[in-house]
N, C-alpha and C. Protein backbone atom coordinates (compact mmCIF):
# COMPACT_ATOMS: atom_id res chain seq x y z
N MET A 1 -30.68 4.70 9.37
CA MET A 1 -29.13 4.78 8.15
C MET A 1 -28.29 3.72 7.81
N ALA A 2 -28.70 3.28 6.72
CA ALA A 2 -27.53 1.85 6.49
C ALA A 2 -26.07 2.40 6.53
N THR A 3 -25.73 1.21 6.97
CA THR A 3 -23.90 1.33 7.42
C THR A 3 -23.95 0.97 6.19
N GLN A 4 -22.60 1.53 5.64
CA GLN A 4 -21.71 1.38 3.94
C GLN A 4 -20.94 0.51 3.90
N ALA A 5 -21.11 -0.21 2.92
CA ALA A 5 -20.35 -1.34 2.91
C ALA A 5 -18.75 -1.33 2.78
N LYS A 6 -18.37 -1.78 3.73
CA LYS A 6 -16.87 -2.07 3.96
C LYS A 6 -15.93 -2.29 2.46
N THR A 7 -14.70 -2.65 2.05
CA THR A 7 -14.11 -2.66 1.37
C THR A 7 -13.13 -3.48 1.34
N LEU A 8 -12.58 -5.08 0.70
CA LEU A 8 -11.64 -5.53 1.42
C LEU A 8 -10.67 -5.57 -0.29
N LEU A 9 -9.48 -5.57 -0.47
CA LEU A 9 -9.20 -5.87 -1.32
C LEU A 9 -7.65 -6.67 -1.30
N ARG A 10 -7.80 -7.76 -2.14
CA ARG A 10 -7.38 -9.10 -1.90
C ARG A 10 -5.87 -9.22 -3.11
N LEU A 11 -4.98 -9.16 -2.97
CA LEU A 11 -3.49 -9.14 -3.53
C LEU A 11 -3.29 -10.46 -3.44
N ASP A 12 -3.48 -11.43 -4.80
CA ASP A 12 -2.06 -12.87 -4.86
C ASP A 12 -0.72 -12.18 -5.54
N ALA A 13 0.41 -12.98 -5.45
CA ALA A 13 1.49 -12.75 -5.69
C ALA A 13 1.91 -14.07 -6.05
N SER A 14 1.36 -15.41 -5.68
CA SER A 14 2.30 -16.61 -6.01
C SER A 14 1.77 -16.86 -7.98
N VAL A 15 3.16 -17.16 -8.01
CA VAL A 15 3.46 -17.27 -9.90
C VAL A 15 2.25 -18.97 -10.08
N ARG A 16 1.89 -19.70 -8.71
CA ARG A 16 1.55 -21.09 -9.01
C ARG A 16 -0.19 -20.25 -8.58
N THR A 17 -0.69 -21.61 -9.78
CA THR A 17 -1.97 -20.98 -9.51
C THR A 17 -2.70 -22.58 -8.87
N ASP A 18 -2.87 -23.67 -9.26
CA ASP A 18 -3.11 -24.81 -8.83
C ASP A 18 -2.20 -25.07 -7.44
N GLY A 19 -2.82 -25.46 -6.58
CA GLY A 19 -1.40 -26.04 -5.66
C GLY A 19 -1.10 -24.62 -4.87
N SER A 20 -1.22 -23.61 -4.60
CA SER A 20 -0.43 -22.46 -4.32
C SER A 20 -1.21 -22.26 -2.77
N VAL A 21 -0.34 -22.35 -1.91
CA VAL A 21 -1.00 -22.46 -0.71
C VAL A 21 -1.05 -21.04 0.10
N THR A 22 -0.21 -19.97 -0.80
CA THR A 22 -0.90 -18.30 -0.01
C THR A 22 -2.45 -18.56 -0.56
N ARG A 23 -2.71 -18.65 -2.03
CA ARG A 23 -3.58 -18.67 -2.97
C ARG A 23 -5.27 -19.45 -1.89
N GLY A 24 -4.96 -20.66 -1.39
CA GLY A 24 -6.14 -20.96 -1.07
C GLY A 24 -5.97 -20.42 0.60
N LEU A 25 -4.87 -19.49 1.83
CA LEU A 25 -5.26 -19.09 2.63
C LEU A 25 -5.69 -17.84 2.54
N THR A 26 -5.86 -17.05 1.65
CA THR A 26 -6.20 -15.58 1.07
C THR A 26 -7.75 -15.96 0.46
N GLU A 27 -8.27 -16.82 0.27
CA GLU A 27 -9.49 -17.56 0.00
C GLU A 27 -9.89 -18.23 0.67
N LYS A 28 -9.59 -18.60 1.72
CA LYS A 28 -10.48 -18.93 3.29
C LYS A 28 -10.39 -18.27 3.69
N PHE A 29 -9.57 -16.71 4.22
CA PHE A 29 -9.88 -15.70 4.48
C PHE A 29 -11.39 -14.61 4.53
N VAL A 30 -10.94 -14.56 2.81
CA VAL A 30 -12.25 -14.23 2.31
C VAL A 30 -13.56 -14.98 2.29
N HIS A 31 -12.66 -16.18 2.14
CA HIS A 31 -14.87 -16.88 2.50
C HIS A 31 -15.22 -17.16 3.70
N ASP A 32 -14.02 -17.22 4.21
CA ASP A 32 -14.56 -16.99 6.04
C ASP A 32 -15.46 -15.52 6.39
N LEU A 33 -14.66 -15.03 6.16
CA LEU A 33 -15.41 -13.34 6.50
C LEU A 33 -16.66 -13.10 5.66
N THR A 34 -16.84 -13.25 3.96
CA THR A 34 -17.38 -12.69 3.44
C THR A 34 -19.26 -13.80 3.80
N SER A 35 -19.12 -14.89 4.28
CA SER A 35 -19.62 -15.65 4.13
C SER A 35 -20.42 -15.60 5.61
N LYS A 36 -20.29 -15.02 6.03
CA LYS A 36 -20.82 -14.20 7.57
C LYS A 36 -21.99 -13.59 7.51
N GLY A 37 -22.55 -13.06 6.25
CA GLY A 37 -23.64 -12.25 6.05
C GLY A 37 -23.90 -10.97 6.04
N ASP A 38 -22.64 -10.36 6.21
CA ASP A 38 -22.49 -8.96 6.45
C ASP A 38 -22.21 -8.59 4.75
N SER A 39 -22.45 -7.31 4.21
CA SER A 39 -22.38 -7.09 3.18
C SER A 39 -20.70 -6.31 3.05
N LEU A 40 -19.95 -6.25 2.37
CA LEU A 40 -18.15 -6.80 2.30
C LEU A 40 -18.34 -6.46 0.54
N ASN A 41 -17.09 -5.27 0.04
CA ASN A 41 -17.65 -5.29 -1.23
C ASN A 41 -16.08 -5.84 -1.52
N VAL A 42 -15.56 -6.52 -2.34
CA VAL A 42 -14.33 -7.50 -2.37
C VAL A 42 -13.01 -6.96 -3.82
N THR A 43 -12.19 -6.63 -3.87
CA THR A 43 -12.19 -6.38 -4.97
C THR A 43 -10.04 -7.85 -4.94
N THR A 44 -10.19 -8.23 -5.76
CA THR A 44 -8.85 -9.32 -6.23
C THR A 44 -8.04 -8.46 -7.43
N ARG A 45 -7.06 -8.72 -7.34
CA ARG A 45 -5.71 -7.86 -7.82
C ARG A 45 -4.96 -9.36 -7.87
N ASP A 46 -4.95 -9.61 -8.91
CA ASP A 46 -3.81 -11.16 -9.33
C ASP A 46 -2.66 -10.25 -9.74
N LEU A 47 -1.58 -10.60 -8.76
CA LEU A 47 -0.16 -9.36 -9.55
C LEU A 47 0.85 -10.43 -10.30
N ALA A 48 0.61 -11.49 -10.17
CA ALA A 48 0.71 -12.47 -11.15
C ALA A 48 0.98 -12.50 -12.39
N ASN A 49 -0.33 -11.92 -12.67
CA ASN A 49 -0.98 -11.77 -14.18
C ASN A 49 0.41 -10.52 -14.43
N GLY A 50 1.03 -10.36 -13.57
CA GLY A 50 2.03 -9.34 -14.51
C GLY A 50 1.67 -7.99 -14.28
N LEU A 51 2.92 -7.49 -13.76
CA LEU A 51 3.37 -6.02 -13.50
C LEU A 51 4.53 -5.06 -14.48
N PRO A 52 4.55 -4.08 -14.93
CA PRO A 52 5.18 -3.71 -15.56
C PRO A 52 6.28 -3.32 -14.48
N LEU A 53 7.61 -3.20 -14.23
CA LEU A 53 8.93 -2.62 -13.70
C LEU A 53 8.62 -1.20 -14.06
N ILE A 54 8.61 -0.40 -13.08
CA ILE A 54 9.29 0.98 -13.41
C ILE A 54 10.71 1.41 -14.42
N ASP A 55 10.06 2.39 -14.95
CA ASP A 55 11.51 2.51 -15.59
C ASP A 55 12.31 3.90 -15.51
N GLU A 56 13.06 4.52 -16.49
CA GLU A 56 13.55 5.91 -16.80
C GLU A 56 11.99 7.02 -16.86
N ALA A 57 11.19 6.62 -18.05
CA ALA A 57 10.13 7.58 -18.27
C ALA A 57 9.06 7.54 -17.14
N TRP A 58 8.74 6.22 -16.62
CA TRP A 58 7.90 6.70 -14.97
C TRP A 58 8.37 7.00 -14.10
N THR A 59 9.75 6.86 -13.51
CA THR A 59 10.13 8.01 -13.07
C THR A 59 10.15 9.57 -13.38
N ALA A 60 10.73 9.51 -14.35
CA ALA A 60 10.70 11.11 -14.90
C ALA A 60 8.54 11.79 -14.72
N ALA A 61 8.41 10.45 -15.23
CA ALA A 61 6.50 11.22 -15.14
C ALA A 61 6.17 11.03 -13.18
N ASN A 62 6.64 10.55 -12.88
CA ASN A 62 6.71 10.51 -11.45
C ASN A 62 6.71 11.71 -10.90
N PHE A 63 8.36 12.13 -11.39
CA PHE A 63 8.33 13.41 -10.65
C PHE A 63 7.94 14.87 -11.54
N THR A 64 7.32 15.23 -12.43
CA THR A 64 6.91 16.19 -12.45
C THR A 64 6.00 16.52 -12.08
N ALA A 65 5.63 17.83 -12.30
CA ALA A 65 4.34 18.46 -11.33
C ALA A 65 3.19 17.61 -11.90
N PRO A 66 1.82 17.08 -11.47
CA PRO A 66 0.58 16.74 -12.16
C PRO A 66 0.66 18.04 -13.54
N GLU A 67 0.09 19.21 -12.56
CA GLU A 67 0.07 20.08 -13.85
C GLU A 67 0.22 20.34 -15.42
N ASP A 68 2.02 19.85 -15.08
CA ASP A 68 2.77 19.58 -16.43
C ASP A 68 3.02 18.43 -16.47
N ARG A 69 2.40 17.41 -16.67
CA ARG A 69 2.92 16.40 -17.46
C ARG A 69 2.25 16.20 -18.30
N THR A 70 2.53 15.86 -19.67
CA THR A 70 2.47 15.38 -20.54
C THR A 70 1.34 14.29 -20.68
N ASP A 71 0.47 14.15 -22.30
CA ASP A 71 -0.38 13.14 -22.09
C ASP A 71 0.82 11.55 -21.86
N ASP A 72 1.70 11.54 -22.48
CA ASP A 72 2.64 10.22 -22.80
C ASP A 72 3.08 9.83 -21.06
N GLN A 73 3.07 10.68 -20.09
CA GLN A 73 3.63 10.97 -18.86
C GLN A 73 1.91 10.54 -18.24
N LYS A 74 1.32 10.93 -18.20
CA LYS A 74 0.07 10.80 -17.48
C LYS A 74 -0.18 9.05 -17.85
N GLU A 75 -0.11 8.56 -19.14
CA GLU A 75 -0.27 7.02 -19.68
C GLU A 75 0.64 6.58 -19.01
N ALA A 76 2.11 6.89 -18.55
CA ALA A 76 3.31 5.99 -17.93
C ALA A 76 2.56 5.54 -16.69
N LEU A 77 1.52 6.86 -16.07
CA LEU A 77 1.01 6.46 -14.79
C LEU A 77 -0.07 5.98 -14.69
N ALA A 78 -0.63 5.95 -15.51
CA ALA A 78 -2.32 5.21 -15.40
C ALA A 78 -2.47 4.10 -14.59
N LEU A 79 -1.58 3.09 -14.63
CA LEU A 79 -1.65 1.57 -13.92
C LEU A 79 -1.50 2.44 -12.76
N SER A 80 0.15 3.08 -12.03
CA SER A 80 -0.22 2.74 -10.97
C SER A 80 -0.99 3.85 -10.22
N ASP A 81 -1.51 4.77 -11.03
CA ASP A 81 -2.53 5.75 -10.58
C ASP A 81 -3.88 4.30 -9.99
N SER A 82 -3.77 4.06 -10.71
CA SER A 82 -5.21 2.70 -10.75
C SER A 82 -4.89 2.03 -9.41
N LEU A 83 -3.97 1.07 -9.25
CA LEU A 83 -3.51 0.94 -8.24
C LEU A 83 -3.59 1.66 -6.87
N ILE A 84 -3.09 2.31 -6.88
CA ILE A 84 -3.33 2.98 -5.98
C ILE A 84 -5.00 3.71 -5.31
N GLU A 85 -5.66 3.96 -6.65
CA GLU A 85 -6.98 4.13 -6.26
C GLU A 85 -7.85 2.81 -5.48
N GLU A 86 -7.17 1.81 -5.50
CA GLU A 86 -7.76 0.83 -5.23
C GLU A 86 -7.50 0.85 -3.83
N LEU A 87 -5.97 0.64 -3.55
CA LEU A 87 -5.71 0.29 -2.19
C LEU A 87 -6.35 1.55 -1.32
N LYS A 88 -6.28 2.89 -1.88
CA LYS A 88 -7.28 4.23 -1.03
C LYS A 88 -8.25 3.86 -0.74
N ALA A 89 -9.25 2.93 -1.72
CA ALA A 89 -10.51 2.77 -1.58
C ALA A 89 -10.48 1.26 -0.62
N ALA A 90 -9.49 0.53 0.01
CA ALA A 90 -9.90 -0.77 0.74
C ALA A 90 -9.92 -0.34 2.16
N ASP A 91 -10.48 -0.65 3.06
CA ASP A 91 -10.43 -0.88 4.46
C ASP A 91 -9.94 -1.72 4.90
N ILE A 92 -9.91 -2.83 4.38
CA ILE A 92 -9.01 -4.40 4.69
C ILE A 92 -8.27 -5.08 3.88
N LEU A 93 -6.87 -5.06 3.92
CA LEU A 93 -6.11 -5.31 2.47
C LEU A 93 -5.85 -7.20 2.88
N VAL A 94 -5.75 -8.15 2.25
CA VAL A 94 -5.63 -9.29 2.94
C VAL A 94 -4.53 -9.95 1.29
N ILE A 95 -3.71 -10.34 1.86
CA ILE A 95 -2.44 -9.90 0.86
C ILE A 95 -1.42 -11.65 0.95
N GLY A 96 -1.81 -12.13 0.10
CA GLY A 96 -1.28 -13.94 -0.06
C GLY A 96 0.69 -13.61 -0.44
N LEU A 97 1.02 -14.16 0.58
CA LEU A 97 2.98 -13.67 0.37
C LEU A 97 3.60 -14.99 0.94
N PRO A 98 3.54 -15.87 -0.74
CA PRO A 98 4.72 -16.69 -0.50
C PRO A 98 6.22 -16.24 -0.33
N VAL A 99 7.49 -16.60 0.23
CA VAL A 99 8.15 -16.70 0.44
C VAL A 99 9.43 -16.62 -0.01
N TYR A 100 10.23 -15.98 -1.29
CA TYR A 100 11.05 -16.82 -2.31
C TYR A 100 12.19 -16.34 -1.91
N ASN A 101 12.73 -16.90 -1.83
CA ASN A 101 14.34 -17.00 -1.76
C ASN A 101 14.70 -15.98 -1.03
N PHE A 102 13.91 -16.12 0.28
CA PHE A 102 14.13 -15.65 1.59
C PHE A 102 13.16 -14.74 1.41
N GLY A 103 13.37 -14.24 -0.01
CA GLY A 103 11.99 -12.29 0.03
C GLY A 103 10.53 -12.65 -0.86
N VAL A 104 10.26 -11.63 -1.49
CA VAL A 104 9.17 -11.26 -1.38
C VAL A 104 8.73 -11.66 -3.39
N PRO A 105 7.86 -11.93 -3.71
CA PRO A 105 8.26 -12.12 -5.43
C PRO A 105 8.36 -10.63 -5.72
N ALA A 106 8.76 -11.39 -7.61
CA ALA A 106 8.52 -9.81 -8.17
C ALA A 106 7.70 -8.96 -8.12
N ALA A 107 6.52 -10.19 -8.27
CA ALA A 107 5.28 -9.28 -8.65
C ALA A 107 4.98 -8.29 -7.85
N LEU A 108 5.36 -8.61 -6.51
CA LEU A 108 4.79 -8.06 -5.37
C LEU A 108 5.89 -7.15 -5.28
N LYS A 109 7.23 -6.91 -5.66
CA LYS A 109 7.85 -6.45 -5.07
C LYS A 109 7.66 -4.82 -6.78
N ALA A 110 7.15 -5.13 -7.33
CA ALA A 110 6.75 -4.56 -8.89
C ALA A 110 5.86 -3.70 -8.34
N TRP A 111 4.87 -4.34 -7.85
CA TRP A 111 3.12 -3.63 -6.77
C TRP A 111 3.23 -2.08 -6.15
N VAL A 112 4.79 -2.57 -5.72
CA VAL A 112 5.27 -1.97 -4.15
C VAL A 112 6.07 -1.10 -4.96
N ASP A 113 6.86 -0.95 -6.12
CA ASP A 113 6.92 0.01 -6.14
C ASP A 113 6.20 1.01 -7.00
N LEU A 114 5.29 0.61 -7.98
CA LEU A 114 4.22 1.26 -8.32
C LEU A 114 2.72 1.97 -7.34
N ILE A 115 3.16 1.33 -6.32
CA ILE A 115 1.92 2.55 -5.13
C ILE A 115 2.80 2.74 -4.55
N SER A 116 4.42 2.89 -4.53
CA SER A 116 4.86 4.18 -3.33
C SER A 116 5.15 5.22 -4.07
N ARG A 117 4.32 6.24 -4.09
CA ARG A 117 4.84 7.53 -4.87
C ARG A 117 4.76 8.63 -3.31
N ALA A 118 5.52 9.59 -3.66
CA ALA A 118 6.06 10.60 -2.47
C ALA A 118 4.15 12.12 -2.84
N ARG A 119 3.98 12.09 -2.17
CA ARG A 119 2.53 13.09 -2.21
C ARG A 119 1.91 12.78 -2.90
N VAL A 120 1.67 10.87 -2.65
CA VAL A 120 0.84 10.42 -3.15
C VAL A 120 0.06 9.52 -2.15
N THR A 121 1.11 8.64 -1.46
CA THR A 121 1.25 7.48 -0.58
C THR A 121 1.49 8.02 0.89
N PHE A 122 2.87 8.68 0.70
CA PHE A 122 3.13 9.42 1.74
C PHE A 122 4.18 11.18 1.56
N ARG A 123 4.83 11.36 2.25
CA ARG A 123 5.25 12.31 2.19
C ARG A 123 6.09 12.67 3.14
N TYR A 124 7.09 13.50 2.51
CA TYR A 124 8.58 13.94 3.68
C TYR A 124 7.68 15.44 4.47
N THR A 125 8.02 15.23 5.88
CA THR A 125 7.85 16.14 7.04
C THR A 125 8.86 17.12 7.62
N GLU A 126 9.04 18.02 8.11
CA GLU A 126 9.81 18.10 9.55
C GLU A 126 10.26 17.28 9.80
N ASP A 127 9.20 16.12 10.36
CA ASP A 127 9.88 15.32 11.27
C ASP A 127 10.09 13.34 10.71
N GLY A 128 10.06 13.91 9.08
CA GLY A 128 10.71 12.64 9.09
C GLY A 128 9.05 12.22 7.65
N PRO A 129 9.57 10.88 6.93
CA PRO A 129 8.45 10.37 6.49
C PRO A 129 7.06 10.20 7.08
N GLU A 130 6.14 10.40 6.49
CA GLU A 130 4.15 9.88 6.94
C GLU A 130 3.83 9.17 6.36
N GLY A 131 3.49 8.32 6.43
CA GLY A 131 2.33 7.57 5.61
C GLY A 131 0.88 8.05 5.10
N LEU A 132 0.20 8.12 4.04
CA LEU A 132 -1.02 8.84 3.91
C LEU A 132 -1.88 8.41 3.70
N LEU A 133 -1.72 6.67 3.86
CA LEU A 133 -2.79 5.72 4.08
C LEU A 133 -3.43 5.36 5.24
N LYS A 134 -3.55 5.76 6.18
CA LYS A 134 -4.12 5.32 7.39
C LYS A 134 -5.69 5.01 7.69
N GLY A 135 -5.85 4.20 8.82
CA GLY A 135 -6.70 3.69 8.78
C GLY A 135 -7.71 2.68 8.68
N LYS A 136 -6.05 2.31 7.70
CA LYS A 136 -6.84 0.67 7.10
C LYS A 136 -6.00 -0.61 7.85
N LYS A 137 -6.71 -1.93 7.74
CA LYS A 137 -5.89 -2.91 8.91
C LYS A 137 -6.04 -3.90 7.81
N ALA A 138 -4.50 -4.75 7.88
CA ALA A 138 -4.04 -5.34 6.78
C ALA A 138 -3.84 -6.74 7.66
N TYR A 139 -3.51 -7.61 6.57
CA TYR A 139 -3.44 -9.00 7.24
C TYR A 139 -2.68 -9.94 6.07
N VAL A 140 -1.50 -10.33 6.75
CA VAL A 140 -0.47 -11.07 5.25
C VAL A 140 -0.21 -12.36 5.38
N LEU A 141 -1.33 -12.98 4.52
CA LEU A 141 -0.27 -14.47 4.61
C LEU A 141 0.33 -14.72 3.67
N THR A 142 1.50 -15.53 4.50
CA THR A 142 2.51 -16.27 4.19
C THR A 142 2.72 -17.58 4.28
N ALA A 143 3.55 -18.04 3.14
CA ALA A 143 3.39 -19.66 3.59
C ALA A 143 5.06 -19.11 2.62
N SER A 144 6.43 -20.66 3.59
CA SER A 144 8.01 -20.74 3.72
C SER A 144 7.81 -21.99 3.47
N GLY A 145 8.94 -22.64 2.30
CA GLY A 145 9.33 -23.80 2.64
C GLY A 145 10.96 -24.13 4.32
N GLY A 146 11.24 -23.17 4.16
CA GLY A 146 12.10 -23.50 5.68
C GLY A 146 12.27 -22.09 5.76
N THR A 147 12.22 -21.14 5.63
CA THR A 147 12.59 -19.85 6.08
C THR A 147 11.61 -19.76 7.54
N PRO A 148 12.03 -19.55 8.79
CA PRO A 148 10.86 -18.98 9.57
C PRO A 148 10.38 -17.28 9.51
N VAL A 149 8.98 -17.54 9.61
CA VAL A 149 8.43 -16.36 9.40
C VAL A 149 9.34 -15.30 11.29
N GLY A 150 9.54 -14.51 10.48
CA GLY A 150 10.14 -13.44 12.16
C GLY A 150 11.46 -13.78 12.00
N SER A 151 12.69 -14.60 11.84
CA SER A 151 13.72 -14.98 11.80
C SER A 151 14.69 -14.14 11.05
N GLY A 152 15.86 -14.27 11.12
CA GLY A 152 16.95 -12.88 10.91
C GLY A 152 17.09 -12.74 9.70
N TYR A 153 16.56 -13.79 8.54
CA TYR A 153 16.97 -14.31 7.30
C TYR A 153 15.20 -14.54 6.54
N ASP A 154 14.27 -13.89 7.25
CA ASP A 154 12.60 -13.53 6.82
C ASP A 154 12.90 -11.79 6.46
N PHE A 155 13.22 -12.47 5.04
CA PHE A 155 13.31 -10.54 4.41
C PHE A 155 11.81 -10.69 3.44
N ALA A 156 11.01 -11.25 3.91
CA ALA A 156 9.99 -10.87 3.05
C ALA A 156 8.86 -10.11 3.88
N THR A 157 8.74 -10.96 4.98
CA THR A 157 7.35 -10.25 5.69
C THR A 157 8.05 -8.77 6.56
N THR A 158 8.96 -8.75 7.24
CA THR A 158 9.72 -7.59 7.51
C THR A 158 9.49 -6.82 6.72
N TYR A 159 9.57 -6.81 5.14
CA TYR A 159 10.23 -5.98 4.25
C TYR A 159 8.96 -5.55 4.20
N LEU A 160 7.91 -6.17 4.22
CA LEU A 160 6.61 -5.73 3.75
C LEU A 160 5.82 -5.19 4.75
N ARG A 161 5.68 -5.53 6.20
CA ARG A 161 5.16 -5.04 7.18
C ARG A 161 5.96 -3.56 6.88
N HIS A 162 7.09 -3.43 6.99
CA HIS A 162 8.26 -2.16 6.96
C HIS A 162 7.94 -1.35 5.90
N ILE A 163 7.27 -1.86 4.84
CA ILE A 163 6.54 -1.12 3.44
C ILE A 163 4.97 -0.97 3.47
N LEU A 164 4.02 -1.37 4.81
CA LEU A 164 3.23 -0.88 4.85
C LEU A 164 3.05 -0.09 5.51
N GLY A 165 3.55 0.17 6.27
CA GLY A 165 3.70 1.21 7.89
C GLY A 165 4.34 2.65 7.03
N PHE A 166 5.13 2.17 5.94
CA PHE A 166 5.90 4.15 5.54
C PHE A 166 5.13 4.38 4.78
N VAL A 167 3.72 3.48 3.99
CA VAL A 167 2.78 4.29 3.31
C VAL A 167 1.39 4.55 3.87
N GLY A 168 1.76 4.21 5.46
CA GLY A 168 0.61 4.69 6.50
C GLY A 168 -0.53 3.34 7.11
N ILE A 169 0.11 2.09 6.94
CA ILE A 169 -1.02 1.07 6.99
C ILE A 169 -0.29 0.54 7.76
N ASP A 170 -0.53 0.63 9.02
CA ASP A 170 0.65 0.50 10.66
C ASP A 170 -0.03 -1.08 11.42
N ASP A 171 -1.59 -1.11 11.04
CA ASP A 171 -2.43 -2.15 11.64
C ASP A 171 -1.87 -3.49 11.19
N VAL A 172 -0.78 -4.24 11.16
CA VAL A 172 -0.80 -5.61 9.81
C VAL A 172 -0.37 -6.85 11.03
N THR A 173 -1.39 -7.52 10.61
CA THR A 173 -1.33 -9.31 11.01
C THR A 173 -0.81 -9.74 10.37
N ILE A 174 0.48 -10.64 10.77
CA ILE A 174 0.68 -11.61 9.72
C ILE A 174 0.68 -13.13 10.29
N ILE A 175 0.08 -13.83 9.02
CA ILE A 175 -0.34 -15.35 9.37
C ILE A 175 0.45 -15.63 8.70
N ALA A 176 1.01 -17.40 9.22
CA ALA A 176 2.00 -18.32 8.34
C ALA A 176 1.58 -19.69 8.61
N ALA A 177 2.19 -20.10 7.36
CA ALA A 177 1.97 -21.64 7.41
C ALA A 177 3.21 -21.59 6.50
N ASP A 178 4.32 -21.96 7.78
CA ASP A 178 6.04 -21.54 7.40
C ASP A 178 6.53 -22.95 7.54
N GLN A 179 8.34 -22.78 7.67
CA GLN A 179 8.81 -24.22 7.72
C GLN A 179 7.69 -24.99 6.89
N MET A 180 7.07 -24.97 5.71
CA MET A 180 6.09 -26.68 5.15
C MET A 180 6.95 -27.30 4.89
N ALA A 181 8.07 -27.34 4.24
CA ALA A 181 9.18 -28.24 4.12
C ALA A 181 9.20 -29.40 5.56
N MET A 182 9.02 -28.72 6.77
CA MET A 182 9.26 -30.02 7.23
C MET A 182 7.61 -30.12 8.03
N ASN A 183 7.27 -29.75 8.29
CA ASN A 183 5.94 -30.34 8.28
C ASN A 183 4.60 -29.58 7.81
N ALA A 184 4.18 -30.20 6.59
CA ALA A 184 3.13 -28.84 6.21
C ALA A 184 1.63 -29.19 6.30
N ASP A 185 1.25 -30.28 7.15
CA ASP A 185 0.45 -29.92 7.84
C ASP A 185 -0.37 -29.77 8.72
N ALA A 186 0.72 -29.59 9.94
CA ALA A 186 0.83 -28.80 10.90
C ALA A 186 0.58 -27.32 10.74
N ALA A 187 1.82 -26.48 9.49
CA ALA A 187 2.06 -25.46 9.57
C ALA A 187 0.55 -25.05 8.57
N LEU A 188 0.16 -26.03 8.05
CA LEU A 188 -1.09 -25.15 7.46
C LEU A 188 -2.61 -25.23 8.49
N GLU A 189 -2.49 -26.21 9.12
CA GLU A 189 -3.68 -25.97 10.06
C GLU A 189 -3.40 -24.81 11.16
N ALA A 190 -2.23 -24.46 11.45
CA ALA A 190 -2.02 -23.76 12.55
C ALA A 190 -2.55 -22.29 12.13
N ALA A 191 -2.25 -22.05 10.49
CA ALA A 191 -2.77 -21.10 9.57
C ALA A 191 -4.17 -20.44 9.43
N HIS A 192 -4.61 -22.10 8.69
CA HIS A 192 -5.94 -22.24 9.05
C HIS A 192 -6.43 -21.78 10.77
N ASN A 193 -6.40 -22.41 11.53
CA ASN A 193 -6.59 -21.98 12.76
C ASN A 193 -6.48 -20.33 13.57
N ARG A 194 -5.64 -19.96 12.95
CA ARG A 194 -5.36 -18.43 12.74
C ARG A 194 -6.35 -17.48 12.00
N ILE A 195 -6.46 -18.02 11.18
CA ILE A 195 -7.24 -17.22 9.82
C ILE A 195 -8.54 -17.28 10.87
N GLU A 196 -9.48 -18.51 11.17
CA GLU A 196 -10.34 -18.35 11.83
C GLU A 196 -10.76 -17.53 12.93
N ASP A 197 -9.77 -17.21 14.16
CA ASP A 197 -9.85 -16.70 15.13
C ASP A 197 -9.82 -15.41 14.61
N GLU A 198 -9.05 -15.03 14.01
CA GLU A 198 -8.65 -13.28 13.06
C GLU A 198 -10.08 -13.03 12.69
N VAL A 199 -10.83 -13.90 11.75
CA VAL A 199 -12.22 -13.41 11.44
C VAL A 199 -13.28 -13.12 12.31
N ALA A 200 -12.86 -13.81 13.16
CA ALA A 200 -14.02 -14.42 14.22
C ALA A 200 -13.92 -12.71 14.97
N ALA A 201 -12.51 -12.20 15.39
CA ALA A 201 -12.04 -11.43 15.90
C ALA A 201 -12.58 -9.82 15.19
N LEU A 202 -12.57 -9.82 13.84
CA LEU A 202 -12.90 -9.25 12.87
C LEU A 202 -14.50 -9.04 12.65
N GLN A 203 -14.88 -10.02 12.50
CA GLN A 203 -15.96 -9.89 13.00
C GLN A 203 -17.41 -9.38 14.08
N GLY A 204 -16.41 -10.04 15.11
CA GLY A 204 -16.47 -9.47 16.39
C GLY A 204 -16.76 -7.20 16.34
N LEU A 205 -15.63 -7.23 15.80
CA LEU A 205 -15.82 -5.14 16.03
C LEU A 205 -16.10 -4.97 15.09
N ARG A 206 -16.99 -5.69 13.68
CA ARG A 206 -17.56 -5.00 12.69
C ARG A 206 -19.42 -4.91 13.22
N THR A 207 -19.79 -6.51 13.75
CA THR A 207 -20.87 -6.18 14.66
C THR A 207 -21.06 -5.18 15.59
N ALA A 208 -19.68 -5.19 16.45
CA ALA A 208 -19.96 -4.27 17.63
C ALA A 208 -20.22 -2.19 17.52
N ALA A 209 -19.30 -2.16 16.13
CA ALA A 209 -19.58 -0.88 15.19
C ALA A 209 -20.76 -0.75 14.52
């Protein structure tokens, strides 16, 4: 019996298209993985193309029981529903995360708000919140000018790791080309080497499976 192809969701958030380090990293990761010859479905979502911010109408629709929603409320949630379906369908996430002013880009925050929905991607239990998007692997490919990844003032990767875990994706690997203002070549080389190592390890797991 043929093995069903896995699905990879690639998210890019940099406002830059030409010369974006994170877009280059996500491109390399996906290229290296797909060039191995195995079947892999790739979905690409460019968040920088623009996502709406949640508003009062969206929030009201979200907190209305599905069976009671009006047509306008269903329309208000349509994009959120689509983004969540993309996320549910993915086995692997590859997220490009540029660090802007110590945090995540506004477009990525908008995506987080649209996919974080109680009873859909997480739920509250007697033991606390439980993420519902389990069994996925996420790779966060990040770049910064001066912020050291994992430092006390890195509010980008720590935030995204927490959010992913909150919705059930707790297998998260951070690959960083950080502090590029200090030594861009070394930072980029380290990130490329790490991508190659992670792709090789992932390929080994897929082959073994």
